[in-house]
All heavy atoms as atom14 arrays in JSON, in Angstrom:
{
  "sequence": "LCFKATWYAKTGNAPALTCFSHRRRGNVIFQKREPNGDWYPFKTTP",
  "atom14_mask": [
    [1, 1, 1, 1, 1, 1, 1, 1, 0, 0, 0, 0, 0, 0],
    [1, 1, 1, 1, 1, 1, 0, 0, 0, 0, 0, 0, 0, 0],
    [1, 1, 1, 1, 1, 1, 1, 1, 1, 1, 1, 0, 0, 0],
    [1, 1, 1, 1, 1, 1, 1, 1, 1, 0, 0, 0, 0, 0],
    [1, 1, 1, 1, 1, 0, 0, 0, 0, 0, 0, 0, 0, 0],
    [1, 1, 1, 1, 1, 1, 1, 0, 0, 0, 0, 0, 0, 0],
    [1, 1, 1, 1, 1, 1, 1, 1, 1, 1, 1, 1, 1, 1],
    [1, 1, 1, 1, 1, 1, 1, 1, 1, 1, 1, 1, 0, 0],
    [1, 1, 1, 1, 1, 0, 0, 0, 0, 0, 0, 0, 0, 0],
    [1, 1, 1, 1, 1, 1, 1, 1, 1, 0, 0, 0, 0, 0],
    [1, 1, 1, 1, 1, 1, 1, 0, 0, 0, 0, 0, 0, 0],
    [1, 1, 1, 1, 0, 0, 0, 0, 0, 0, 0, 0, 0, 0],
    [1, 1, 1, 1, 1, 1, 1, 1, 0, 0, 0, 0, 0, 0],
    [1, 1, 1, 1, 1, 0, 0, 0, 0, 0, 0, 0, 0, 0],
    [1, 1, 1, 1, 1, 1, 1, 0, 0, 0, 0, 0, 0, 0],
    [1, 1, 1, 1, 1, 0, 0, 0, 0, 0, 0, 0, 0, 0],
    [1, 1, 1, 1, 1, 1, 1, 1, 0, 0, 0, 0, 0, 0],
    [1, 1, 1, 1, 1, 1, 1, 0, 0, 0, 0, 0, 0, 0],
    [1, 1, 1, 1, 1, 1, 0, 0, 0, 0, 0, 0, 0, 0],
    [1, 1, 1, 1, 1, 1, 1, 1, 1, 1, 1, 0, 0, 0],
    [1, 1, 1, 1, 1, 1, 0, 0, 0, 0, 0, 0, 0, 0],
    [1, 1, 1, 1, 1, 1, 1, 1, 1, 1, 0, 0, 0, 0],
    [1, 1, 1, 1, 1, 1, 1, 1, 1, 1, 1, 0, 0, 0],
    [1, 1, 1, 1, 1, 1, 1, 1, 1, 1, 1, 0, 0, 0],
    [1, 1, 1, 1, 1, 1, 1, 1, 1, 1, 1, 0, 0, 0],
    [1, 1, 1, 1, 0, 0, 0, 0, 0, 0, 0, 0, 0, 0],
    [1, 1, 1, 1, 1, 1, 1, 1, 0, 0, 0, 0, 0, 0],
    [1, 1, 1, 1, 1, 1, 1, 0, 0, 0, 0, 0, 0, 0],
    [1, 1, 1, 1, 1, 1, 1, 1, 0, 0, 0, 0, 0, 0],
    [1, 1, 1, 1, 1, 1, 1, 1, 1, 1, 1, 0, 0, 0],
    [1, 1, 1, 1, 1, 1, 1, 1, 1, 0, 0, 0, 0, 0],
    [1, 1, 1, 1, 1, 1, 1, 1, 1, 0, 0, 0, 0, 0],
    [1, 1, 1, 1, 1, 1, 1, 1, 1, 1, 1, 0, 0, 0],
    [1, 1, 1, 1, 1, 1, 1, 1, 1, 0, 0, 0, 0, 0],
    [1, 1, 1, 1, 1, 1, 1, 0, 0, 0, 0, 0, 0, 0],
    [1, 1, 1, 1, 1, 1, 1, 1, 0, 0, 0, 0, 0, 0],
    [1, 1, 1, 1, 0, 0, 0, 0, 0, 0, 0, 0, 0, 0],
    [1, 1, 1, 1, 1, 1, 1, 1, 0, 0, 0, 0, 0, 0],
    [1, 1, 1, 1, 1, 1, 1, 1, 1, 1, 1, 1, 1, 1],
    [1, 1, 1, 1, 1, 1, 1, 1, 1, 1, 1, 1, 0, 0],
    [1, 1, 1, 1, 1, 1, 1, 0, 0, 0, 0, 0, 0, 0],
    [1, 1, 1, 1, 1, 1, 1, 1, 1, 1, 1, 0, 0, 0],
    [1, 1, 1, 1, 1, 1, 1, 1, 1, 0, 0, 0, 0, 0],
    [1, 1, 1, 1, 1, 1, 1, 0, 0, 0, 0, 0, 0, 0],
    [1, 1, 1, 1, 1, 1, 1, 0, 0, 0, 0, 0, 0, 0],
    [1, 1, 1, 1, 1, 1, 1, 0, 0, 0, 0, 0, 0, 0]
  ],
  "atom14_positions": [
    [[17.5, -72.87, 54.83], [18.33, -72.24, 55.88], [18.44, -73.34, 57.12], [17.29, -73.73, 57.63], [17.85, -70.89, 56.35], [18.4, -70.45, 57.72], [19.82, -69.92, 57.51], [17.52, -69.54, 58.39], [0.0, 0.0, 0.0], [0.0, 0.0, 0.0], [0.0, 0.0, 0.0], [0.0, 0.0, 0.0], [0.0, 0.0, 0.0], [0.0, 0.0, 0.0]],
    [[19.56, -73.57, 57.61], [19.67, -74.46, 58.7], [20.57, -73.93, 59.7], [21.59, -73.19, 59.3], [20.21, -75.95, 58.4], [19.04, -76.79, 57.32], [0.0, 0.0, 0.0], [0.0, 0.0, 0.0], [0.0, 0.0, 0.0], [0.0, 0.0, 0.0], [0.0, 0.0, 0.0], [0.0, 0.0, 0.0], [0.0, 0.0, 0.0], [0.0, 0.0, 0.0]],
    [[20.4, -73.97, 61.01], [21.41, -73.67, 62.02], [21.59, -74.9, 62.96], [20.56, -75.54, 63.37], [21.15, -72.4, 62.72], [19.77, -72.12, 63.17], [19.39, -72.33, 64.46], [18.98, -71.56, 62.39], [18.18, -72.16, 64.98], [17.54, -71.14, 62.86], [17.28, -71.5, 64.08], [0.0, 0.0, 0.0], [0.0, 0.0, 0.0], [0.0, 0.0, 0.0]],
    [[22.74, -75.32, 63.16], [23.16, -76.4, 64.06], [23.88, -75.77, 65.28], [24.9, -75.03, 65.13], [24.1, -77.39, 63.27], [24.38, -78.52, 64.1], [25.23, -79.53, 63.27], [25.35, -80.88, 64.06], [25.98, -81.94, 63.23], [0.0, 0.0, 0.0], [0.0, 0.0, 0.0], [0.0, 0.0, 0.0], [0.0, 0.0, 0.0], [0.0, 0.0, 0.0]],
    [[23.22, -75.99, 66.4], [23.74, -75.17, 67.57], [23.65, -76.2, 68.8], [22.79, -77.14, 68.83], [23.06, -74.05, 67.82], [0.0, 0.0, 0.0], [0.0, 0.0, 0.0], [0.0, 0.0, 0.0], [0.0, 0.0, 0.0], [0.0, 0.0, 0.0], [0.0, 0.0, 0.0], [0.0, 0.0, 0.0], [0.0, 0.0, 0.0], [0.0, 0.0, 0.0]],
    [[24.62, -75.98, 69.74], [24.37, -76.57, 71.02], [23.67, -75.53, 71.86], [24.16, -74.47, 72.08], [25.72, -77.0, 71.67], [26.38, -77.84, 70.71], [25.51, -77.6, 72.95], [0.0, 0.0, 0.0], [0.0, 0.0, 0.0], [0.0, 0.0, 0.0], [0.0, 0.0, 0.0], [0.0, 0.0, 0.0], [0.0, 0.0, 0.0], [0.0, 0.0, 0.0]],
    [[22.47, -76.07, 72.5], [21.74, -75.17, 73.4], [22.05, -75.49, 74.85], [22.06, -76.6, 75.25], [20.27, -75.39, 73.11], [19.84, -74.77, 71.75], [19.99, -75.42, 70.55], [19.45, -73.43, 71.44], [19.6, -74.52, 69.51], [19.3, -73.31, 70.11], [19.22, -72.36, 72.3], [18.88, -72.14, 69.51], [18.79, -71.09, 71.64], [18.61, -71.11, 70.39]],
    [[22.3, -74.42, 75.6], [22.59, -74.6, 77.02], [21.43, -74.02, 77.85], [20.85, -72.93, 77.66], [23.85, -73.76, 77.33], [25.03, -74.28, 76.59], [25.33, -73.91, 75.29], [25.98, -75.26, 77.19], [26.48, -74.37, 74.55], [27.02, -75.74, 76.46], [27.25, -75.33, 75.24], [28.35, -75.84, 74.5], [0.0, 0.0, 0.0], [0.0, 0.0, 0.0]],
    [[21.09, -74.77, 78.96], [20.0, -74.37, 79.81], [20.58, -74.63, 81.24], [21.63, -75.31, 81.34], [18.77, -75.1, 79.49], [0.0, 0.0, 0.0], [0.0, 0.0, 0.0], [0.0, 0.0, 0.0], [0.0, 0.0, 0.0], [0.0, 0.0, 0.0], [0.0, 0.0, 0.0], [0.0, 0.0, 0.0], [0.0, 0.0, 0.0], [0.0, 0.0, 0.0]],
    [[19.88, -74.24, 82.24], [20.13, -74.38, 83.56], [20.48, -76.01, 83.93], [21.4, -76.28, 84.71], [19.18, -74.01, 84.39], [19.45, -73.86, 85.91], [18.22, -73.17, 86.69], [18.64, -72.9, 88.18], [17.62, -72.18, 88.8], [0.0, 0.0, 0.0], [0.0, 0.0, 0.0], [0.0, 0.0, 0.0], [0.0, 0.0, 0.0], [0.0, 0.0, 0.0]],
    [[19.8, -76.73, 83.26], [19.94, -78.29, 83.45], [21.0, -79.06, 82.72], [21.1, -80.21, 82.8], [18.67, -78.92, 83.4], [18.17, -78.71, 82.02], [17.59, -78.43, 84.3], [0.0, 0.0, 0.0], [0.0, 0.0, 0.0], [0.0, 0.0, 0.0], [0.0, 0.0, 0.0], [0.0, 0.0, 0.0], [0.0, 0.0, 0.0], [0.0, 0.0, 0.0]],
    [[21.59, -78.3, 81.7], [22.65, -78.97, 80.96], [22.56, -78.41, 79.43], [22.08, -77.21, 79.18], [0.0, 0.0, 0.0], [0.0, 0.0, 0.0], [0.0, 0.0, 0.0], [0.0, 0.0, 0.0], [0.0, 0.0, 0.0], [0.0, 0.0, 0.0], [0.0, 0.0, 0.0], [0.0, 0.0, 0.0], [0.0, 0.0, 0.0], [0.0, 0.0, 0.0]],
    [[23.05, -79.25, 78.51], [23.05, -78.8, 77.16], [22.68, -80.0, 76.14], [22.79, -81.14, 76.53], [24.43, -78.22, 76.76], [25.56, -79.24, 76.81], [25.61, -80.1, 75.98], [26.42, -79.21, 77.84], [0.0, 0.0, 0.0], [0.0, 0.0, 0.0], [0.0, 0.0, 0.0], [0.0, 0.0, 0.0], [0.0, 0.0, 0.0], [0.0, 0.0, 0.0]],
    [[22.31, -79.65, 74.95], [21.91, -80.53, 74.0], [22.07, -79.93, 72.64], [21.83, -78.76, 72.33], [20.57, -81.05, 74.1], [0.0, 0.0, 0.0], [0.0, 0.0, 0.0], [0.0, 0.0, 0.0], [0.0, 0.0, 0.0], [0.0, 0.0, 0.0], [0.0, 0.0, 0.0], [0.0, 0.0, 0.0], [0.0, 0.0, 0.0], [0.0, 0.0, 0.0]],
    [[22.54, -80.72, 71.63], [22.62, -80.2, 70.3], [21.3, -80.18, 69.55], [20.4, -81.09, 69.87], [23.58, -81.24, 69.63], [23.41, -82.54, 70.25], [23.1, -82.13, 71.72], [0.0, 0.0, 0.0], [0.0, 0.0, 0.0], [0.0, 0.0, 0.0], [0.0, 0.0, 0.0], [0.0, 0.0, 0.0], [0.0, 0.0, 0.0], [0.0, 0.0, 0.0]],
    [[21.17, -79.39, 68.59], [19.96, -79.37, 67.8], [20.17, -78.85, 66.34], [21.01, -77.87, 66.2], [18.81, -78.42, 68.39], [0.0, 0.0, 0.0], [0.0, 0.0, 0.0], [0.0, 0.0, 0.0], [0.0, 0.0, 0.0], [0.0, 0.0, 0.0], [0.0, 0.0, 0.0], [0.0, 0.0, 0.0], [0.0, 0.0, 0.0], [0.0, 0.0, 0.0]],
    [[19.45, -79.32, 65.39], [19.51, -78.87, 64.07], [18.2, -78.27, 63.69], [17.14, -79.07, 63.83], [20.01, -80.05, 63.05], [19.87, -79.59, 61.57], [21.0, -78.56, 61.34], [20.14, -80.86, 60.71], [0.0, 0.0, 0.0], [0.0, 0.0, 0.0], [0.0, 0.0, 0.0], [0.0, 0.0, 0.0], [0.0, 0.0, 0.0], [0.0, 0.0, 0.0]],
    [[18.12, -77.07, 63.31], [16.87, -76.41, 63.0], [16.94, -75.97, 61.52], [17.9, -75.27, 61.19], [16.59, -75.31, 63.88], [16.48, -75.7, 65.28], [15.24, -74.73, 63.66], [0.0, 0.0, 0.0], [0.0, 0.0, 0.0], [0.0, 0.0, 0.0], [0.0, 0.0, 0.0], [0.0, 0.0, 0.0], [0.0, 0.0, 0.0], [0.0, 0.0, 0.0]],
    [[15.87, -76.31, 60.67], [15.92, -75.81, 59.31], [14.62, -75.25, 58.92], [13.58, -75.54, 59.39], [16.14, -76.97, 58.44], [17.83, -77.78, 58.6], [0.0, 0.0, 0.0], [0.0, 0.0, 0.0], [0.0, 0.0, 0.0], [0.0, 0.0, 0.0], [0.0, 0.0, 0.0], [0.0, 0.0, 0.0], [0.0, 0.0, 0.0], [0.0, 0.0, 0.0]],
    [[14.73, -74.32, 58.0], [13.56, -73.65, 57.27], [13.66, -73.64, 55.83], [14.7, -73.4, 55.32], [13.42, -72.18, 57.84], [13.09, -71.99, 59.23], [14.24, -72.04, 60.28], [11.79, -71.86, 59.7], [13.79, -71.87, 61.57], [11.53, -71.61, 61.06], [12.47, -71.58, 61.94], [0.0, 0.0, 0.0], [0.0, 0.0, 0.0], [0.0, 0.0, 0.0]],
    [[12.54, -73.96, 55.18], [12.51, -74.04, 53.79], [11.94, -72.7, 53.2], [11.09, -72.08, 53.89], [11.71, -75.17, 53.17], [12.49, -76.41, 53.34], [0.0, 0.0, 0.0], [0.0, 0.0, 0.0], [0.0, 0.0, 0.0], [0.0, 0.0, 0.0], [0.0, 0.0, 0.0], [0.0, 0.0, 0.0], [0.0, 0.0, 0.0], [0.0, 0.0, 0.0]],
    [[12.29, -72.34, 52.09], [11.75, -70.97, 51.46], [11.4, -71.17, 50.01], [12.12, -71.94, 49.33], [12.93, -69.87, 51.53], [13.4, -69.66, 52.91], [14.25, -70.42, 53.65], [13.06, -68.64, 53.73], [14.44, -69.87, 54.79], [13.77, -68.72, 54.98], [0.0, 0.0, 0.0], [0.0, 0.0, 0.0], [0.0, 0.0, 0.0], [0.0, 0.0, 0.0]],
    [[10.3, -70.7, 49.64], [9.78, -70.66, 48.22], [9.3, -69.4, 47.74], [8.87, -68.64, 48.7], [8.73, -71.81, 48.12], [9.26, -73.23, 48.41], [8.21, -74.22, 48.15], [7.86, -74.47, 46.77], [8.41, -75.27, 45.89], [9.46, -76.08, 46.33], [7.95, -75.43, 44.67], [0.0, 0.0, 0.0], [0.0, 0.0, 0.0], [0.0, 0.0, 0.0]],
    [[9.22, -69.06, 46.51], [8.77, -67.8, 45.95], [7.61, -68.05, 45.08], [7.54, -69.01, 44.25], [9.82, -67.09, 45.29], [9.42, -65.78, 44.63], [10.44, -65.07, 43.78], [11.77, -65.19, 44.35], [12.17, -64.08, 45.19], [11.46, -63.26, 45.55], [13.51, -64.23, 45.65], [0.0, 0.0, 0.0], [0.0, 0.0, 0.0], [0.0, 0.0, 0.0]],
    [[6.61, -67.28, 45.22], [5.5, -67.2, 44.15], [5.25, -65.79, 44.02], [4.73, -65.03, 44.95], [4.29, -67.93, 44.78], [3.15, -67.98, 43.66], [1.86, -68.7, 44.03], [1.22, -67.88, 45.15], [0.42, -68.5, 46.05], [0.23, -69.81, 46.11], [-0.16, -67.81, 46.98], [0.0, 0.0, 0.0], [0.0, 0.0, 0.0], [0.0, 0.0, 0.0]],
    [[5.51, -65.22, 42.79], [5.29, -63.91, 42.47], [6.11, -63.04, 43.52], [7.4, -63.15, 43.52], [0.0, 0.0, 0.0], [0.0, 0.0, 0.0], [0.0, 0.0, 0.0], [0.0, 0.0, 0.0], [0.0, 0.0, 0.0], [0.0, 0.0, 0.0], [0.0, 0.0, 0.0], [0.0, 0.0, 0.0], [0.0, 0.0, 0.0], [0.0, 0.0, 0.0]],
    [[5.47, -62.1, 44.16], [6.15, -61.13, 45.09], [6.16, -61.62, 46.41], [6.45, -60.8, 47.44], [5.61, -59.76, 44.85], [4.25, -59.65, 45.52], [3.57, -60.72, 45.73], [3.72, -58.48, 45.64], [0.0, 0.0, 0.0], [0.0, 0.0, 0.0], [0.0, 0.0, 0.0], [0.0, 0.0, 0.0], [0.0, 0.0, 0.0], [0.0, 0.0, 0.0]],
    [[5.87, -62.86, 46.65], [5.84, -63.41, 48.06], [6.88, -64.4, 48.29], [6.86, -65.48, 47.5], [4.45, -63.93, 48.49], [4.41, -64.53, 49.9], [3.43, -62.82, 48.28], [0.0, 0.0, 0.0], [0.0, 0.0, 0.0], [0.0, 0.0, 0.0], [0.0, 0.0, 0.0], [0.0, 0.0, 0.0], [0.0, 0.0, 0.0], [0.0, 0.0, 0.0]],
    [[7.74, -64.53, 49.34], [8.39, -65.58, 49.78], [7.73, -66.18, 51.0], [7.39, -65.62, 51.85], [9.99, -65.14, 50.16], [10.68, -64.38, 48.96], [10.68, -66.23, 50.86], [12.02, -63.85, 49.38], [0.0, 0.0, 0.0], [0.0, 0.0, 0.0], [0.0, 0.0, 0.0], [0.0, 0.0, 0.0], [0.0, 0.0, 0.0], [0.0, 0.0, 0.0]],
    [[7.62, -67.52, 50.77], [6.99, -68.33, 51.86], [8.07, -69.1, 52.67], [9.17, -69.35, 52.16], [6.04, -69.39, 51.33], [4.85, -68.76, 50.61], [4.86, -68.38, 49.26], [3.68, -68.57, 51.27], [3.8, -67.8, 48.65], [2.59, -67.99, 50.64], [2.6, -67.67, 49.3], [0.0, 0.0, 0.0], [0.0, 0.0, 0.0], [0.0, 0.0, 0.0]],
    [[7.76, -69.38, 53.9], [8.64, -70.09, 54.72], [7.91, -71.13, 55.39], [6.81, -71.11, 55.82], [9.3, -69.11, 55.71], [10.42, -69.86, 56.72], [10.85, -68.94, 57.75], [10.08, -68.58, 58.67], [12.19, -68.38, 57.54], [0.0, 0.0, 0.0], [0.0, 0.0, 0.0], [0.0, 0.0, 0.0], [0.0, 0.0, 0.0], [0.0, 0.0, 0.0]],
    [[8.73, -72.28, 55.8], [8.13, -73.38, 56.57], [9.2, -73.99, 57.38], [10.33, -74.14, 56.92], [7.71, -74.44, 55.57], [7.4, -75.77, 56.28], [7.05, -76.85, 55.16], [6.97, -78.15, 55.86], [7.02, -79.34, 55.08], [0.0, 0.0, 0.0], [0.0, 0.0, 0.0], [0.0, 0.0, 0.0], [0.0, 0.0, 0.0], [0.0, 0.0, 0.0]],
    [[8.97, -74.19, 58.68], [9.84, -74.92, 59.49], [9.79, -76.38, 59.1], [8.78, -77.01, 59.05], [9.55, -74.71, 61.05], [10.4, -75.52, 61.84], [10.65, -74.94, 63.16], [11.45, -75.81, 63.87], [11.59, -75.9, 65.23], [10.81, -75.05, 65.97], [12.43, -76.75, 65.78], [0.0, 0.0, 0.0], [0.0, 0.0, 0.0], [0.0, 0.0, 0.0]],
    [[10.94, -76.97, 59.03], [11.15, -78.27, 58.66], [11.14, -79.21, 59.95], [11.67, -78.68, 60.95], [12.37, -78.57, 57.86], [12.32, -77.97, 56.46], [11.3, -78.52, 55.55], [10.62, -79.63, 55.82], [10.91, -77.86, 54.51], [0.0, 0.0, 0.0], [0.0, 0.0, 0.0], [0.0, 0.0, 0.0], [0.0, 0.0, 0.0], [0.0, 0.0, 0.0]],
    [[10.75, -80.41, 59.84], [10.09, -80.95, 58.78], [8.47, -80.81, 58.83], [7.86, -81.15, 57.78], [10.4, -82.54, 59.09], [10.45, -82.55, 60.46], [10.96, -81.39, 61.06], [0.0, 0.0, 0.0], [0.0, 0.0, 0.0], [0.0, 0.0, 0.0], [0.0, 0.0, 0.0], [0.0, 0.0, 0.0], [0.0, 0.0, 0.0], [0.0, 0.0, 0.0]],
    [[7.99, -80.41, 59.86], [6.4, -80.55, 59.99], [5.73, -79.32, 60.06], [4.51, -79.19, 60.43], [6.08, -81.4, 61.23], [6.62, -82.77, 61.19], [6.62, -83.37, 60.12], [7.18, -83.29, 62.18], [0.0, 0.0, 0.0], [0.0, 0.0, 0.0], [0.0, 0.0, 0.0], [0.0, 0.0, 0.0], [0.0, 0.0, 0.0], [0.0, 0.0, 0.0]],
    [[6.42, -78.06, 59.76], [5.7, -76.82, 59.87], [4.72, -76.61, 58.72], [4.68, -77.34, 57.77], [0.0, 0.0, 0.0], [0.0, 0.0, 0.0], [0.0, 0.0, 0.0], [0.0, 0.0, 0.0], [0.0, 0.0, 0.0], [0.0, 0.0, 0.0], [0.0, 0.0, 0.0], [0.0, 0.0, 0.0], [0.0, 0.0, 0.0], [0.0, 0.0, 0.0]],
    [[3.99, -75.53, 58.8], [3.22, -75.11, 57.74], [3.71, -73.93, 56.95], [4.42, -73.12, 57.54], [1.75, -74.64, 58.31], [0.96, -75.87, 58.84], [1.03, -76.89, 58.26], [0.26, -75.6, 59.95], [0.0, 0.0, 0.0], [0.0, 0.0, 0.0], [0.0, 0.0, 0.0], [0.0, 0.0, 0.0], [0.0, 0.0, 0.0], [0.0, 0.0, 0.0]],
    [[3.39, -73.95, 55.63], [3.94, -72.88, 54.9], [3.17, -71.47, 55.22], [1.87, -71.55, 55.57], [3.67, -73.08, 53.37], [4.58, -74.01, 52.92], [4.31, -75.48, 52.72], [5.92, -73.97, 52.54], [5.43, -76.08, 52.18], [6.47, -75.13, 52.07], [6.8, -72.82, 52.46], [7.75, -75.34, 51.62], [8.17, -72.9, 52.02], [8.52, -74.25, 51.58]],
    [[3.92, -70.36, 55.35], [3.22, -69.06, 55.67], [4.0, -68.07, 54.93], [5.21, -68.13, 54.6], [3.27, -68.74, 57.16], [4.5, -68.69, 57.79], [5.19, -67.48, 57.81], [5.13, -69.8, 58.25], [6.48, -67.44, 58.52], [6.38, -69.71, 58.92], [6.99, -68.49, 59.05], [8.24, -68.42, 59.69], [0.0, 0.0, 0.0], [0.0, 0.0, 0.0]],
    [[3.37, -66.82, 54.53], [3.93, -65.74, 53.88], [5.15, -65.22, 54.81], [4.84, -64.83, 56.04], [2.88, -64.68, 53.68], [1.59, -65.49, 53.88], [1.93, -66.64, 54.71], [0.0, 0.0, 0.0], [0.0, 0.0, 0.0], [0.0, 0.0, 0.0], [0.0, 0.0, 0.0], [0.0, 0.0, 0.0], [0.0, 0.0, 0.0], [0.0, 0.0, 0.0]],
    [[6.28, -65.12, 54.37], [7.45, -64.66, 55.18], [7.82, -63.36, 54.81], [8.12, -62.44, 55.68], [8.6, -65.72, 54.89], [9.87, -65.42, 55.52], [10.04, -65.41, 56.99], [11.02, -65.13, 54.91], [11.24, -65.17, 57.57], [12.24, -64.74, 55.38], [12.39, -64.88, 56.76], [0.0, 0.0, 0.0], [0.0, 0.0, 0.0], [0.0, 0.0, 0.0]],
    [[8.07, -63.03, 53.49], [8.39, -61.67, 52.98], [7.72, -61.35, 51.73], [7.56, -62.17, 50.81], [9.89, -61.75, 52.74], [10.49, -60.46, 52.3], [11.97, -60.52, 51.97], [12.51, -59.06, 51.73], [13.45, -59.06, 50.58], [0.0, 0.0, 0.0], [0.0, 0.0, 0.0], [0.0, 0.0, 0.0], [0.0, 0.0, 0.0], [0.0, 0.0, 0.0]],
    [[7.05, -60.12, 51.76], [6.39, -59.62, 50.53], [7.08, -58.44, 50.02], [7.76, -57.66, 50.63], [4.99, -59.28, 50.93], [4.87, -58.34, 51.82], [4.17, -60.61, 51.35], [0.0, 0.0, 0.0], [0.0, 0.0, 0.0], [0.0, 0.0, 0.0], [0.0, 0.0, 0.0], [0.0, 0.0, 0.0], [0.0, 0.0, 0.0], [0.0, 0.0, 0.0]],
    [[6.84, -58.22, 48.75], [7.33, -56.99, 48.1], [6.24, -56.36, 47.41], [5.57, -56.99, 46.5], [8.52, -57.32, 47.1], [9.51, -58.07, 47.7], [9.08, -56.03, 46.44], [0.0, 0.0, 0.0], [0.0, 0.0, 0.0], [0.0, 0.0, 0.0], [0.0, 0.0, 0.0], [0.0, 0.0, 0.0], [0.0, 0.0, 0.0], [0.0, 0.0, 0.0]],
    [[5.74, -55.19, 47.78], [6.33, -54.34, 48.86], [6.12, -55.0, 50.2], [5.15, -55.68, 50.36], [5.64, -53.0, 48.67], [4.45, -53.26, 47.98], [4.61, -54.51, 47.05], [0.0, 0.0, 0.0], [0.0, 0.0, 0.0], [0.0, 0.0, 0.0], [0.0, 0.0, 0.0], [0.0, 0.0, 0.0], [0.0, 0.0, 0.0], [0.0, 0.0, 0.0]]
  ]
}
């Protein structure tokens, strides 16, 4: 999943691309912020 947005703050604006990867093992979906994040359990069933 990626979102490309222009972010606005009091001092101005800047574009940014943010992405997250997703993987499944059994009943757990893991997520990681790209490029340097760590994998963590994101969604479990139940």
